[in-house]
Amino acid sequence: MPAIPSPALIGPAVLGGYVLGRTTGNRALAGVALAAGLGLALPRWAKRSPVLAAALTLGTVGLVGVSHPLSQRLGPWPAVLTTSAAAAVLAGVGDGLAGRVGSAGS
């Protein structure tokens, strides 16, 4: 079974975390959803480069943080959709870099 691309894990984890946190009123559950998505993508990135994995994790968490002030300007749904898409793009870049790092070392 082929591996699920990281964007298909990270984008929904950010969006799902928002929905979960909003519907339950428990923001910690939003963090659990994000951690689950990162937990599935992180080993792939870390296998290629721990620095890449750390940078992508910080970038994803940073985007979630950006969604809060962005929601003041755009509204909650547009902000979370924008940051979910950005996180998915970042994960795709990470997958591409992980592949390059791996092929350069082989």
Protein backbone atom coordinates (compact mmCIF):
# COMPACT_ATOMS: atom_id res chain seq x y z
CA MET A 1 0.00 0.00 0.00
CA PRO A 2 1.54 3.34 -1.02
CA ALA A 3 2.18 5.98 1.61
CA ILE A 4 -0.40 8.73 1.93
CA PRO A 5 1.11 12.04 0.76
CA SER A 6 1.80 14.44 3.61
CA PRO A 7 -0.49 17.19 2.25
CA ALA A 8 -3.40 14.73 2.51
CA LEU A 9 -2.53 14.30 6.19
CA ILE A 10 -1.59 17.82 7.27
CA GLY A 11 -4.28 19.90 5.54
CA PRO A 12 -7.14 17.83 6.97
CA ALA A 13 -5.45 17.70 10.38
CA VAL A 14 -5.40 21.50 10.59
CA LEU A 15 -8.96 21.82 9.32
CA GLY A 16 -10.22 18.90 11.40
CA GLY A 17 -8.55 20.27 14.49
CA TYR A 18 -10.37 23.55 14.04
CA VAL A 19 -13.72 21.83 13.55
CA LEU A 20 -13.14 19.54 16.52
CA GLY A 21 -12.08 22.41 18.78
CA ARG A 22 -14.96 24.60 17.68
CA THR A 23 -17.70 21.99 17.97
CA THR A 24 -16.59 20.59 21.33
CA GLY A 25 -15.33 23.84 22.85
CA ASN A 26 -12.16 21.97 23.80
CA ARG A 27 -9.14 23.60 22.16
CA ALA A 28 -6.86 20.82 23.37
CA LEU A 29 -8.66 18.42 21.03
CA ALA A 30 -7.65 20.67 18.14
CA GLY A 31 -4.04 20.15 19.19
CA VAL A 32 -4.58 16.39 19.31
CA ALA A 33 -5.85 16.40 15.72
CA LEU A 34 -2.87 18.46 14.58
CA ALA A 35 -0.47 16.20 16.49
CA ALA A 36 -2.04 13.14 14.86
CA GLY A 37 -1.50 14.53 11.36
CA LEU A 38 2.04 15.57 12.17
CA GLY A 39 2.68 12.22 13.83
CA LEU A 40 1.84 10.44 10.60
CA ALA A 41 3.93 12.73 8.37
CA LEU A 42 6.86 13.35 10.70
CA PRO A 43 8.56 9.93 10.43
CA ARG A 44 8.76 10.28 6.65
CA TRP A 45 10.42 13.67 6.93
CA ALA A 46 12.65 12.71 9.86
CA LYS A 47 13.87 9.62 8.01
CA ARG A 48 15.33 11.93 5.38
CA SER A 49 16.45 14.79 7.62
CA PRO A 50 15.72 15.66 11.25
CA VAL A 51 16.29 19.34 10.43
CA LEU A 52 13.69 19.16 7.66
CA ALA A 53 11.25 17.45 10.03
CA ALA A 54 11.76 20.12 12.69
CA ALA A 55 11.38 22.96 10.18
CA LEU A 56 8.18 21.51 8.71
CA THR A 57 6.71 20.87 12.15
CA LEU A 58 7.49 24.41 13.30
CA GLY A 59 6.14 25.81 10.05
CA THR A 60 2.88 23.91 10.41
CA VAL A 61 2.42 24.89 14.04
CA GLY A 62 3.31 28.46 13.10
CA LEU A 63 0.60 28.49 10.46
CA VAL A 64 -1.93 27.38 13.04
CA GLY A 65 -0.77 30.28 15.20
CA VAL A 66 -1.13 32.68 12.26
CA SER A 67 -4.73 31.58 11.78
CA HIS A 68 -5.73 33.27 15.04
CA PRO A 69 -4.82 36.86 14.10
CA LEU A 70 -5.83 36.17 10.50
CA SER A 71 -9.33 35.29 11.70
CA GLN A 72 -9.64 38.83 13.04
CA ARG A 73 -9.26 40.15 9.49
CA LEU A 74 -10.87 37.43 7.36
CA GLY A 75 -13.20 35.63 9.74
CA PRO A 76 -12.68 32.20 11.29
CA TRP A 77 -13.54 29.95 8.35
CA PRO A 78 -11.58 31.81 5.68
CA ALA A 79 -8.59 31.98 8.03
CA VAL A 80 -8.61 28.27 8.82
CA LEU A 81 -9.17 27.31 5.18
CA THR A 82 -6.28 29.55 4.12
CA THR A 83 -3.91 28.19 6.75
CA SER A 84 -5.01 24.58 6.08
CA ALA A 85 -4.18 25.05 2.42
CA ALA A 86 -0.86 26.71 3.26
CA ALA A 87 0.01 23.86 5.63
CA ALA A 88 -0.82 21.32 2.92
CA VAL A 89 1.42 23.18 0.45
CA LEU A 90 4.20 23.26 3.04
CA ALA A 91 3.80 19.51 3.57
CA GLY A 92 4.00 18.96 -0.19
CA VAL A 93 7.20 20.97 -0.35
CA GLY A 94 8.47 18.89 2.54
CA ASP A 95 7.68 15.66 0.73
CA GLY A 96 9.51 16.96 -2.32
CA LEU A 97 12.54 17.97 -0.29
CA ALA A 98 12.51 14.69 1.62
CA GLY A 99 12.63 12.88 -1.70
CA ARG A 100 15.53 15.03 -2.94
CA VAL A 101 17.47 14.65 0.30
CA GLY A 102 16.96 10.89 0.12
CA SER A 103 17.99 10.59 -3.51
CA ALA A 104 21.07 12.77 -3.03
CA GLY A 105 22.29 10.53 -0.24
CA SER A 106 21.73 7.29 -2.19
